[in-house]
Protein backbone atom coordinates (compact mmCIF):
# COMPACT_ATOMS: atom_id res chain seq x y z
CA MET A 1 0.00 0.00 0.00
CA LEU A 2 1.11 3.57 -0.71
CA LEU A 3 -0.05 6.15 1.85
CA ALA A 4 0.27 9.85 0.98
CA ASP A 5 -0.35 12.51 3.64
CA ASP A 6 1.57 15.69 4.46
CA HIS A 7 0.86 15.48 8.21
CA ASP A 8 3.98 13.67 9.50
CA LEU A 9 2.57 12.39 12.80
CA PHE A 10 -0.66 11.10 11.26
CA ARG A 11 1.12 9.48 8.28
CA GLU A 12 3.66 7.68 10.45
CA ALA A 13 1.05 6.50 12.96
CA ILE A 14 -1.29 5.07 10.33
CA ALA A 15 1.55 3.47 8.36
CA ALA A 16 2.83 1.76 11.52
CA MET A 17 -0.61 0.51 12.58
CA VAL A 18 -1.69 -0.70 9.13
CA GLY A 19 1.58 -2.59 8.70
CA ALA A 20 1.73 -3.93 12.27
CA ASP A 21 0.24 -7.37 11.59
CA GLY A 22 2.32 -7.93 8.45
CA ALA A 23 -0.73 -8.27 6.17
CA LEU A 24 0.20 -5.10 4.26
CA SER A 25 3.54 -3.39 3.81
CA VAL A 26 3.19 0.40 3.69
CA ALA A 27 5.23 2.99 1.81
CA ALA A 28 4.52 6.51 3.10
CA VAL A 29 5.05 9.79 1.23
CA ALA A 30 4.04 13.44 1.68
CA ASN A 31 2.81 14.73 -1.70
CA VAL A 32 1.39 13.81 -5.11
CA GLN A 33 4.74 14.06 -6.91
CA GLN A 34 6.23 11.41 -4.61
CA VAL A 35 3.19 9.19 -5.27
CA LEU A 36 3.77 9.40 -9.02
CA GLU A 37 7.48 8.58 -8.56
CA HIS A 38 6.66 5.49 -6.48
CA LEU A 39 4.04 4.32 -8.99
CA ALA A 40 6.61 4.55 -11.77
CA ALA A 41 8.90 2.21 -9.83
CA GLU A 42 6.57 -0.43 -8.35
CA ARG A 43 3.02 -1.78 -8.10
CA PHE A 44 0.71 -1.32 -5.12
CA ASP A 45 -2.53 -2.99 -3.99
CA LEU A 46 -3.89 0.39 -2.86
CA VAL A 47 -3.01 4.10 -2.98
CA LEU A 48 -4.51 6.27 -0.23
CA LEU A 49 -4.36 10.03 -0.97
CA ASP A 50 -4.89 12.84 1.52
CA TYR A 51 -7.29 15.34 -0.07
CA GLU A 52 -5.52 18.44 1.26
CA MET A 53 -1.83 17.65 0.71
CA PRO A 54 0.48 19.47 -1.76
CA GLY A 55 -0.17 18.67 -5.39
CA MET A 56 -3.78 17.53 -5.01
CA ASN A 57 -5.45 20.71 -6.36
CA GLY A 58 -8.84 19.41 -5.36
CA LEU A 59 -9.56 16.17 -7.19
CA GLU A 60 -7.01 16.78 -9.95
CA GLY A 61 -4.44 14.81 -7.94
CA LEU A 62 -6.79 11.83 -7.88
CA ASP A 63 -7.09 12.02 -11.67
CA LEU A 64 -3.29 12.22 -12.10
CA VAL A 65 -2.68 9.18 -9.93
CA ARG A 66 -5.39 7.13 -11.65
CA GLN A 67 -3.95 8.03 -15.07
CA LYS A 68 -0.48 6.96 -13.90
CA ALA A 69 -1.70 3.61 -12.55
CA PRO A 70 -5.15 2.85 -14.03
CA GLU A 71 -5.20 -0.71 -12.66
CA THR A 72 -4.40 0.32 -9.07
CA PRO A 73 -7.24 1.05 -6.60
CA VAL A 74 -7.01 4.66 -5.39
CA ALA A 75 -8.91 6.04 -2.39
CA LEU A 76 -9.26 9.48 -0.86
CA LEU A 77 -8.44 10.25 2.78
CA SER A 78 -9.92 13.45 4.15
CA GLY A 79 -10.26 15.47 7.34
CA THR A 80 -13.37 16.97 5.74
CA ASN A 81 -16.59 14.99 6.25
CA ARG A 82 -18.23 16.25 3.07
CA ARG A 83 -20.66 13.91 1.37
CA ASP A 84 -20.48 15.86 -1.91
CA LEU A 85 -16.69 15.42 -1.96
CA ALA A 86 -16.99 11.68 -1.32
CA GLU A 87 -19.55 11.29 -4.10
CA ALA A 88 -17.41 13.34 -6.51
CA ALA A 89 -14.35 11.20 -5.75
CA LEU A 90 -16.29 7.98 -6.30
CA ALA A 91 -17.71 9.35 -9.55
CA ARG A 92 -14.13 9.96 -10.74
CA GLY A 93 -13.16 6.37 -10.10
CA ALA A 94 -11.94 6.31 -6.49
CA ILE A 95 -12.46 2.95 -4.79
CA GLY A 96 -13.24 4.65 -1.51
CA PHE A 97 -13.46 7.73 0.69
CA VAL A 98 -12.07 7.52 4.22
CA PRO A 99 -12.87 10.31 6.70
CA LYS A 100 -10.04 10.76 9.22
CA THR A 101 -12.64 11.02 11.98
CA ILE A 102 -13.75 7.37 11.81
CA GLY A 103 -11.14 6.17 14.31
CA VAL A 104 -7.96 4.18 13.86
CA LYS A 105 -9.39 0.64 14.03
CA ALA A 106 -12.14 1.44 11.54
CA MET A 107 -9.62 3.13 9.25
CA ILE A 108 -7.31 0.10 9.28
CA ALA A 109 -10.27 -2.20 8.51
CA ALA A 110 -11.31 0.10 5.65
CA VAL A 111 -7.78 0.08 4.22
CA LYS A 112 -7.68 -3.73 4.23
CA HIS A 113 -11.10 -3.93 2.55
CA MET A 114 -9.98 -1.59 -0.22
CA ALA A 115 -6.62 -3.34 -0.66
CA ALA A 116 -8.67 -6.51 -1.28
CA GLY A 117 -10.60 -4.69 -4.02
CA GLU A 118 -13.73 -3.73 -2.09
CA SER A 119 -15.09 -0.19 -2.04
CA PHE A 120 -15.51 1.83 1.15
CA ALA A 121 -17.49 5.05 1.56
CA PRO A 122 -19.55 5.61 4.75
CA LEU A 123 -21.88 8.14 3.11
CA SER A 124 -24.40 7.97 5.97
CA MET A 125 -21.71 9.30 8.34
CA LEU A 126 -20.88 12.33 6.20
CA ASP A 127 -22.24 15.85 6.38
CA GLU A 128 -24.66 17.04 3.71
CA GLY A 129 -23.00 20.45 3.70
CA PRO A 130 -21.71 23.20 5.95
CA PRO A 131 -24.20 24.72 8.41
CA PRO A 132 -25.18 28.38 8.06
CA GLY A 133 -23.33 30.82 10.30
CA GLY A 134 -21.12 33.41 8.60
CA VAL A 135 -17.42 32.90 9.24
CA LEU A 136 -18.11 29.50 10.85
CA ALA A 137 -20.11 28.21 7.87
CA SER A 138 -17.16 26.38 6.33
CA LEU A 139 -16.56 24.23 9.42
CA THR A 140 -17.82 20.64 9.63
CA ARG A 141 -19.87 19.50 12.62
CA ARG A 142 -16.84 17.83 14.20
CA GLU A 143 -14.58 20.85 13.60
CA THR A 144 -17.23 23.00 15.32
CA GLU A 145 -17.25 20.61 18.31
CA VAL A 146 -13.45 20.83 18.54
CA LEU A 147 -13.64 24.63 18.31
CA ARG A 148 -16.13 24.69 21.20
CA GLY A 149 -13.63 22.70 23.24
CA ILE A 150 -10.92 25.24 22.43
CA CYS A 151 -13.27 28.06 23.47
CA ASP A 152 -13.83 26.23 26.78
CA GLY A 153 -10.06 26.28 27.34
CA LYS A 154 -9.65 22.50 26.99
CA ALA A 155 -6.43 20.83 25.84
CA ASN A 156 -6.44 18.53 22.80
CA LYS A 157 -6.32 15.49 25.09
CA GLU A 158 -9.47 16.63 26.93
CA ILE A 159 -11.30 17.39 23.68
CA ALA A 160 -10.32 13.96 22.32
CA ARG A 161 -11.69 12.28 25.45
CA ASP A 162 -14.96 14.25 25.24
CA LEU A 163 -15.47 13.36 21.57
CA ASP A 164 -14.17 9.78 21.91
CA VAL A 165 -11.51 10.19 19.21
CA GLN A 166 -7.72 10.01 19.04
CA GLU A 167 -5.71 13.08 20.12
CA VAL A 168 -4.01 13.12 16.70
CA THR A 169 -7.48 13.46 15.12
CA VAL A 170 -8.19 16.54 17.26
CA LYS A 171 -4.84 18.04 16.21
CA LEU A 172 -5.81 17.56 12.57
CA HIS A 173 -9.15 19.28 13.16
CA VAL A 174 -7.42 22.20 14.94
CA LYS A 175 -5.05 22.60 11.99
CA THR A 176 -7.89 22.47 9.45
CA LEU A 177 -10.31 24.77 11.29
CA SER A 178 -7.54 27.30 12.00
CA ARG A 179 -6.75 27.44 8.29
CA LYS A 180 -10.43 27.84 7.40
CA LEU A 181 -10.86 30.67 9.93
CA GLY A 182 -7.54 32.35 9.09
CA ALA A 183 -6.52 31.91 12.72
CA LYS A 184 -2.85 32.22 13.74
CA ASN A 185 -3.23 29.89 16.73
CA ARG A 186 -5.77 28.29 19.10
CA THR A 187 -6.35 31.50 21.05
CA HIS A 188 -7.00 33.43 17.86
CA ALA A 189 -9.41 30.71 16.67
CA ALA A 190 -11.33 30.98 19.97
CA MET A 191 -11.53 34.77 19.62
CA ILE A 192 -12.89 34.47 16.08
CA ALA A 193 -15.44 31.86 17.20
CA GLN A 194 -16.66 33.90 20.14
CA ALA A 195 -16.93 37.03 17.99
CA ALA A 196 -19.05 34.99 15.55
CA GLY A 197 -21.34 33.91 18.38
CA LEU A 198 -20.40 30.24 18.71
CA ALA A 199 -22.47 28.75 21.52
CA PRO A 200 -20.55 27.01 24.32
CA GLY A 201 -20.49 23.24 24.34
CA PRO A 202 -22.28 21.10 26.96
CA HIS A 203 -20.33 20.71 30.19
CA ARG A 204 -19.52 17.12 31.10
CA GLY A 205 -19.14 16.01 34.67
């Protein structure tokens, strides 16, 4: 399997866990150009592409990779839970769409299904579209939940525990939502959210 993601911690963690039982060996790279170079040199059972890494240019990167290796299953990995994006990727020949929010065990199972030639796209789990709300409209439901945690002054570890996800997943959401909001850091993101009227999250005992 060839895994391509520009987030070093996430890429290394997933590569290690997918390859842990020896069923799949994993080559890991950080951009589309490196994917194309690897495909020119060897064959893979599956290529998993991060939607937001360098060289993707939306779904153009998916098209490039499929043209380079038309017989190789290619799937999209995304921190964005957008149903329209998943459907567009599948329409362009992707074998699957894997949201980064599904959890590590589910992700590993999905990877093995796709490497065996089966499609994977949990469309019922995905968002129909961004909610209304001005500057916050571009955030997914999960990104909004993470942002509420930041506004409450919680650390990533606490937010991960509240949402029952991995801490690395929360870090990915913080990175993505900060970019969407144009925030320089967590404190700036919280200020933007509060100025936009984001309601506080429920307090857990």
